[in-house]
Amino acid sequence: MFHLARSVYKHWNLREQHDILILGLDGSGKTSFIETLKAYLSKPSKALNKIQPTIGQNVSFVSMDTHHIWKIIDVSGQESFRYLWDSYFNKDNIHGIVYMVDTSDSDRLQESINELQARYVNTPAAVDIPIAVVLNKTDQCLDVSSFIDRFTELMIDLDVKRFNVFQITTAQPNDLQEPSEWLRTQLQENKELIPPSYR
């Protein structure tokens, strides 16, 4: 009887874990996105002015609610580390992708598009993974619409099944409500194709 009760208790107290890959060029705001997401969810977070560039990778666990946890894998956007992106794109247990874009640096728009496109070309199965393209620092951008158009066209051309393009300013935690809620919904709707792990 004790074993049955323990089994039932464990079953009801396990949380779904979704592995989220966050990518983007160096300086696009990946780590700031994670820390701002924590602030939005009223979790302990680092001050944005204390954040250092990611070297290699960082992993954060963010409790989205009592039943869901995101394991967020933040991979460096520095050119010398981008080869790591391919190994993560090839993992079967990636449930969602956040792709950060610095809209204040229009000179790097094409570079950002090329890097994302290369990952999909190398890993065709990734089209089934929900992706939130997050246009960051939009308060410093004169032409956000061109970024929206270019990334929307890219996702359609690559035949990505579940995508959306969002505009944010990472200094504003409430800006993360829309992309985080959209991604959470997509993860639930995509559970049969890419099942979560439990912890």
C-alpha atoms as a PDB file:
ATOM      1  CA  MET A   1       0.000   0.000   0.000  1.00  0.00           C
ATOM      2  CA  PHE A   2       2.849   2.364   0.878  1.00  0.00           C
ATOM      3  CA  HIS A   3       4.466   1.795  -2.530  1.00  0.00           C
ATOM      4  CA  LEU A   4       1.186   2.539  -4.321  1.00  0.00           C
ATOM      5  CA  ALA A   5       0.688   5.751  -2.334  1.00  0.00           C
ATOM      6  CA  ARG A   6       4.279   6.780  -3.016  1.00  0.00           C
ATOM      7  CA  SER A   7       3.833   6.073  -6.726  1.00  0.00           C
ATOM      8  CA  VAL A   8       0.656   8.148  -6.911  1.00  0.00           C
ATOM      9  CA  TYR A   9       2.313  10.979  -4.953  1.00  0.00           C
ATOM     10  CA  LYS A  10       5.325  11.001  -7.293  1.00  0.00           C
ATOM     11  CA  HIS A  11       3.080  10.915 -10.368  1.00  0.00           C
ATOM     12  CA  TRP A  12       1.055  13.926  -9.250  1.00  0.00           C
ATOM     13  CA  ASN A  13       4.123  15.868  -8.149  1.00  0.00           C
ATOM     14  CA  LEU A  14       6.302  15.346 -11.205  1.00  0.00           C
ATOM     15  CA  ARG A  15       6.706  18.390 -13.407  1.00  0.00           C
ATOM     16  CA  GLU A  16       6.945  18.492 -17.175  1.00  0.00           C
ATOM     17  CA  GLN A  17      10.351  19.683 -18.301  1.00  0.00           C
ATOM     18  CA  HIS A  18      10.761  21.285 -21.701  1.00  0.00           C
ATOM     19  CA  ASP A  19      14.255  21.953 -23.017  1.00  0.00           C
ATOM     20  CA  ILE A  20      14.441  25.382 -24.643  1.00  0.00           C
ATOM     21  CA  LEU A  21      17.376  26.363 -26.840  1.00  0.00           C
ATOM     22  CA  ILE A  22      18.127  30.089 -26.932  1.00  0.00           C
ATOM     23  CA  LEU A  23      20.322  31.279 -29.790  1.00  0.00           C
ATOM     24  CA  GLY A  24      21.319  34.542 -31.426  1.00  0.00           C
ATOM     25  CA  LEU A  25      24.401  36.502 -32.377  1.00  0.00           C
ATOM     26  CA  ASP A  26      26.642  37.871 -29.653  1.00  0.00           C
ATOM     27  CA  GLY A  27      25.061  40.897 -27.999  1.00  0.00           C
ATOM     28  CA  SER A  28      21.519  40.015 -29.087  1.00  0.00           C
ATOM     29  CA  GLY A  29      20.269  39.753 -25.489  1.00  0.00           C
ATOM     30  CA  LYS A  30      19.953  36.005 -24.879  1.00  0.00           C
ATOM     31  CA  THR A  31      21.056  36.018 -21.245  1.00  0.00           C
ATOM     32  CA  SER A  32      19.114  39.237 -20.618  1.00  0.00           C
ATOM     33  CA  PHE A  33      16.003  37.496 -21.984  1.00  0.00           C
ATOM     34  CA  ILE A  34      16.426  34.661 -19.466  1.00  0.00           C
ATOM     35  CA  GLU A  35      16.977  37.008 -16.528  1.00  0.00           C
ATOM     36  CA  THR A  36      14.057  39.220 -17.578  1.00  0.00           C
ATOM     37  CA  LEU A  37      11.846  36.125 -17.921  1.00  0.00           C
ATOM     38  CA  LYS A  38      12.733  35.226 -14.335  1.00  0.00           C
ATOM     39  CA  ALA A  39      11.824  38.763 -13.237  1.00  0.00           C
ATOM     40  CA  TYR A  40       8.517  38.554 -15.156  1.00  0.00           C
ATOM     41  CA  LEU A  41       7.726  35.314 -13.296  1.00  0.00           C
ATOM     42  CA  SER A  42       8.754  36.935  -9.972  1.00  0.00           C
ATOM     43  CA  LYS A  43      11.761  34.627  -9.609  1.00  0.00           C
ATOM     44  CA  PRO A  44      15.211  35.698  -8.359  1.00  0.00           C
ATOM     45  CA  SER A  45      17.160  37.193 -11.267  1.00  0.00           C
ATOM     46  CA  LYS A  46      20.377  39.057 -12.031  1.00  0.00           C
ATOM     47  CA  ALA A  47      20.365  42.791 -12.645  1.00  0.00           C
ATOM     48  CA  LEU A  48      20.768  43.366 -16.389  1.00  0.00           C
ATOM     49  CA  ASN A  49      23.834  45.558 -15.846  1.00  0.00           C
ATOM     50  CA  LYS A  50      25.583  42.606 -14.127  1.00  0.00           C
ATOM     51  CA  ILE A  51      25.235  40.223 -17.081  1.00  0.00           C
ATOM     52  CA  GLN A  52      28.422  39.066 -18.812  1.00  0.00           C
ATOM     53  CA  PRO A  53      28.649  37.633 -22.357  1.00  0.00           C
ATOM     54  CA  THR A  54      28.054  33.877 -22.465  1.00  0.00           C
ATOM     55  CA  ILE A  55      31.196  31.843 -23.051  1.00  0.00           C
ATOM     56  CA  GLY A  56      30.309  28.403 -24.428  1.00  0.00           C
ATOM     57  CA  GLN A  57      26.949  27.704 -22.819  1.00  0.00           C
ATOM     58  CA  ASN A  58      24.893  28.297 -19.684  1.00  0.00           C
ATOM     59  CA  VAL A  59      21.942  26.254 -18.469  1.00  0.00           C
ATOM     60  CA  SER A  60      19.123  27.742 -16.373  1.00  0.00           C
ATOM     61  CA  PHE A  61      16.065  26.052 -14.902  1.00  0.00           C
ATOM     62  CA  VAL A  62      13.014  28.318 -14.799  1.00  0.00           C
ATOM     63  CA  SER A  63       9.850  27.198 -13.044  1.00  0.00           C
ATOM     64  CA  MET A  64       7.009  28.403 -15.271  1.00  0.00           C
ATOM     65  CA  ASP A  65       4.301  27.233 -12.842  1.00  0.00           C
ATOM     66  CA  THR A  66       3.692  24.369 -10.408  1.00  0.00           C
ATOM     67  CA  HIS A  67       3.562  21.767 -13.208  1.00  0.00           C
ATOM     68  CA  HIS A  68       6.040  23.019 -15.822  1.00  0.00           C
ATOM     69  CA  ILE A  69       9.740  23.796 -15.803  1.00  0.00           C
ATOM     70  CA  TRP A  70      11.902  25.065 -18.643  1.00  0.00           C
ATOM     71  CA  LYS A  71      15.506  23.992 -18.949  1.00  0.00           C
ATOM     72  CA  ILE A  72      16.928  26.898 -20.948  1.00  0.00           C
ATOM     73  CA  ILE A  73      20.172  26.250 -22.799  1.00  0.00           C
ATOM     74  CA  ASP A  74      21.880  29.550 -23.611  1.00  0.00           C
ATOM     75  CA  VAL A  75      24.587  28.979 -26.241  1.00  0.00           C
ATOM     76  CA  SER A  76      27.152  31.680 -26.974  1.00  0.00           C
ATOM     77  CA  GLY A  77      26.567  33.766 -30.074  1.00  0.00           C
ATOM     78  CA  GLN A  78      30.226  34.618 -30.544  1.00  0.00           C
ATOM     79  CA  GLU A  79      31.421  33.454 -33.947  1.00  0.00           C
ATOM     80  CA  SER A  80      34.015  31.085 -32.481  1.00  0.00           C
ATOM     81  CA  PHE A  81      31.263  29.216 -30.573  1.00  0.00           C
ATOM     82  CA  ARG A  82      28.533  29.034 -33.217  1.00  0.00           C
ATOM     83  CA  TYR A  83      29.666  25.569 -34.290  1.00  0.00           C
ATOM     84  CA  LEU A  84      27.983  24.443 -31.028  1.00  0.00           C
ATOM     85  CA  TRP A  85      24.601  25.500 -32.396  1.00  0.00           C
ATOM     86  CA  ASP A  86      24.538  22.556 -34.808  1.00  0.00           C
ATOM     87  CA  SER A  87      24.998  19.961 -32.076  1.00  0.00           C
ATOM     88  CA  TYR A  88      22.030  21.380 -30.151  1.00  0.00           C
ATOM     89  CA  PHE A  89      19.842  21.660 -33.243  1.00  0.00           C
ATOM     90  CA  ASN A  90      20.461  17.926 -33.778  1.00  0.00           C
ATOM     91  CA  LYS A  91      19.292  16.918 -30.298  1.00  0.00           C
ATOM     92  CA  ASP A  92      16.002  15.020 -30.162  1.00  0.00           C
ATOM     93  CA  ASN A  93      15.004  16.508 -26.824  1.00  0.00           C
ATOM     94  CA  ILE A  94      14.859  20.189 -27.788  1.00  0.00           C
ATOM     95  CA  HIS A  95      11.223  21.208 -27.390  1.00  0.00           C
ATOM     96  CA  GLY A  96      11.403  24.879 -28.332  1.00  0.00           C
ATOM     97  CA  ILE A  97      13.749  27.529 -29.690  1.00  0.00           C
ATOM     98  CA  VAL A  98      14.051  31.220 -28.887  1.00  0.00           C
ATOM     99  CA  TYR A  99      16.067  33.102 -31.499  1.00  0.00           C
ATOM    100  CA  MET A 100      17.168  36.542 -30.339  1.00  0.00           C
ATOM    101  CA  VAL A 101      17.832  39.381 -32.780  1.00  0.00           C
ATOM    102  CA  ASP A 102      19.382  42.755 -31.908  1.00  0.00           C
ATOM    103  CA  THR A 103      17.293  45.206 -33.940  1.00  0.00           C
ATOM    104  CA  SER A 104      19.490  48.121 -32.893  1.00  0.00           C
ATOM    105  CA  ASP A 105      22.264  46.713 -35.123  1.00  0.00           C
ATOM    106  CA  SER A 106      20.800  46.614 -38.638  1.00  0.00           C
ATOM    107  CA  ASP A 107      24.261  45.959 -40.121  1.00  0.00           C
ATOM    108  CA  ARG A 108      24.092  42.419 -38.705  1.00  0.00           C
ATOM    109  CA  LEU A 109      20.566  41.576 -39.889  1.00  0.00           C
ATOM    110  CA  GLN A 110      21.776  39.461 -42.823  1.00  0.00           C
ATOM    111  CA  GLU A 111      24.363  37.694 -40.655  1.00  0.00           C
ATOM    112  CA  SER A 112      21.642  36.805 -38.154  1.00  0.00           C
ATOM    113  CA  ILE A 113      19.377  35.476 -40.919  1.00  0.00           C
ATOM    114  CA  ASN A 114      22.214  33.469 -42.481  1.00  0.00           C
ATOM    115  CA  GLU A 115      23.156  31.816 -39.187  1.00  0.00           C
ATOM    116  CA  LEU A 116      19.588  30.738 -38.451  1.00  0.00           C
ATOM    117  CA  GLN A 117      19.004  29.557 -42.010  1.00  0.00           C
ATOM    118  CA  ALA A 118      22.182  27.436 -41.931  1.00  0.00           C
ATOM    119  CA  ARG A 119      20.926  25.528 -38.874  1.00  0.00           C
ATOM    120  CA  TYR A 120      17.658  24.591 -40.598  1.00  0.00           C
ATOM    121  CA  VAL A 121      19.435  23.589 -43.812  1.00  0.00           C
ATOM    122  CA  ASN A 122      21.734  21.292 -41.791  1.00  0.00           C
ATOM    123  CA  THR A 123      18.887  19.896 -39.650  1.00  0.00           C
ATOM    124  CA  PRO A 124      15.649  19.582 -41.678  1.00  0.00           C
ATOM    125  CA  ALA A 125      13.763  17.922 -38.778  1.00  0.00           C
ATOM    126  CA  ALA A 126      14.024  21.172 -36.800  1.00  0.00           C
ATOM    127  CA  VAL A 127      11.035  22.554 -38.743  1.00  0.00           C
ATOM    128  CA  ASP A 128       8.813  20.687 -36.240  1.00  0.00           C
ATOM    129  CA  ILE A 129      10.254  22.536 -33.224  1.00  0.00           C
ATOM    130  CA  PRO A 130       8.309  25.687 -32.230  1.00  0.00           C
ATOM    131  CA  ILE A 131      10.466  28.812 -32.585  1.00  0.00           C
ATOM    132  CA  ALA A 132       9.912  32.284 -31.195  1.00  0.00           C
ATOM    133  CA  VAL A 133      11.946  34.839 -33.120  1.00  0.00           C
ATOM    134  CA  VAL A 134      12.385  37.646 -30.595  1.00  0.00           C
ATOM    135  CA  LEU A 135      13.299  41.062 -31.960  1.00  0.00           C
ATOM    136  CA  ASN A 136      15.086  42.761 -29.076  1.00  0.00           C
ATOM    137  CA  LYS A 137      15.925  46.425 -28.403  1.00  0.00           C
ATOM    138  CA  THR A 138      13.068  47.583 -30.628  1.00  0.00           C
ATOM    139  CA  ASP A 139      13.071  50.903 -28.768  1.00  0.00           C
ATOM    140  CA  GLN A 140      16.411  51.603 -30.512  1.00  0.00           C
ATOM    141  CA  CYS A 141      15.321  50.486 -33.996  1.00  0.00           C
ATOM    142  CA  LEU A 142      14.112  52.846 -36.723  1.00  0.00           C
ATOM    143  CA  ASP A 143      12.616  50.149 -38.979  1.00  0.00           C
ATOM    144  CA  VAL A 144      11.318  47.156 -37.012  1.00  0.00           C
ATOM    145  CA  SER A 145       8.981  46.182 -39.863  1.00  0.00           C
ATOM    146  CA  SER A 146      11.900  45.188 -42.110  1.00  0.00           C
ATOM    147  CA  PHE A 147      13.144  42.783 -39.407  1.00  0.00           C
ATOM    148  CA  ILE A 148       9.641  41.324 -39.017  1.00  0.00           C
ATOM    149  CA  ASP A 149       9.261  40.874 -42.777  1.00  0.00           C
ATOM    150  CA  ARG A 150      12.678  39.267 -43.286  1.00  0.00           C
ATOM    151  CA  PHE A 151      12.321  36.717 -40.485  1.00  0.00           C
ATOM    152  CA  THR A 152       8.711  35.910 -41.390  1.00  0.00           C
ATOM    153  CA  GLU A 153       9.779  35.252 -44.991  1.00  0.00           C
ATOM    154  CA  LEU A 154      12.658  33.075 -43.769  1.00  0.00           C
ATOM    155  CA  MET A 155      10.401  30.919 -41.578  1.00  0.00           C
ATOM    156  CA  ILE A 156       7.891  30.468 -44.406  1.00  0.00           C
ATOM    157  CA  ASP A 157      10.644  29.630 -46.918  1.00  0.00           C
ATOM    158  CA  LEU A 158      12.069  27.027 -44.521  1.00  0.00           C
ATOM    159  CA  ASP A 159       8.580  25.551 -43.971  1.00  0.00           C
ATOM    160  CA  VAL A 160       8.802  25.928 -40.186  1.00  0.00           C
ATOM    161  CA  LYS A 161       5.523  24.600 -38.776  1.00  0.00           C
ATOM    162  CA  ARG A 162       5.205  26.664 -35.588  1.00  0.00           C
ATOM    163  CA  PHE A 163       6.772  30.118 -35.461  1.00  0.00           C
ATOM    164  CA  ASN A 164       6.018  33.653 -34.410  1.00  0.00           C
ATOM    165  CA  VAL A 165       7.947  36.924 -34.438  1.00  0.00           C
ATOM    166  CA  PHE A 166       7.847  39.155 -31.351  1.00  0.00           C
ATOM    167  CA  GLN A 167       9.084  42.656 -30.508  1.00  0.00           C
ATOM    168  CA  ILE A 168      10.483  43.323 -27.039  1.00  0.00           C
ATOM    169  CA  THR A 169      12.711  45.495 -24.917  1.00  0.00           C
ATOM    170  CA  THR A 170      14.429  43.206 -22.394  1.00  0.00           C
ATOM    171  CA  ALA A 171      14.467  45.978 -19.818  1.00  0.00           C
ATOM    172  CA  GLN A 172      10.661  45.614 -19.633  1.00  0.00           C
ATOM    173  CA  PRO A 173       9.654  42.286 -17.998  1.00  0.00           C
ATOM    174  CA  ASN A 174       6.033  42.590 -19.176  1.00  0.00           C
ATOM    175  CA  ASP A 175       7.269  42.501 -22.787  1.00  0.00           C
ATOM    176  CA  LEU A 176       8.062  38.828 -22.230  1.00  0.00           C
ATOM    177  CA  GLN A 177       4.463  37.855 -21.515  1.00  0.00           C
ATOM    178  CA  GLU A 178       3.494  37.418 -25.161  1.00  0.00           C
ATOM    179  CA  PRO A 179       6.483  35.345 -26.374  1.00  0.00           C
ATOM    180  CA  SER A 180       6.623  33.178 -23.236  1.00  0.00           C
ATOM    181  CA  GLU A 181       2.872  32.459 -23.264  1.00  0.00           C
ATOM    182  CA  TRP A 182       2.931  31.728 -26.999  1.00  0.00           C
ATOM    183  CA  LEU A 183       5.839  29.305 -26.588  1.00  0.00           C
ATOM    184  CA  ARG A 184       4.205  27.635 -23.596  1.00  0.00           C
ATOM    185  CA  THR A 185       1.055  27.021 -25.667  1.00  0.00           C
ATOM    186  CA  GLN A 186       3.068  25.637 -28.589  1.00  0.00           C
ATOM    187  CA  LEU A 187       4.976  23.249 -26.309  1.00  0.00           C
ATOM    188  CA  GLN A 188       1.716  21.841 -24.978  1.00  0.00           C
ATOM    189  CA  GLU A 189       0.188  21.486 -28.443  1.00  0.00           C
ATOM    190  CA  ASN A 190       3.375  19.811 -29.725  1.00  0.00           C
ATOM    191  CA  LYS A 191       3.654  17.297 -26.838  1.00  0.00           C
ATOM    192  CA  GLU A 192       2.708  14.241 -28.890  1.00  0.00           C
ATOM    193  CA  LEU A 193       5.422  14.955 -31.449  1.00  0.00           C
ATOM    194  CA  ILE A 194       8.121  15.977 -28.927  1.00  0.00           C
ATOM    195  CA  PRO A 195       7.151  14.625 -25.473  1.00  0.00           C
ATOM    196  CA  PRO A 196       8.475  16.425 -22.390  1.00  0.00           C
ATOM    197  CA  SER A 197      10.677  14.766 -19.806  1.00  0.00           C
ATOM    198  CA  TYR A 198       9.582  14.669 -16.157  1.00  0.00           C
ATOM    199  CA  ARG A 199      11.388  15.698 -12.982  1.00  0.00           C
END
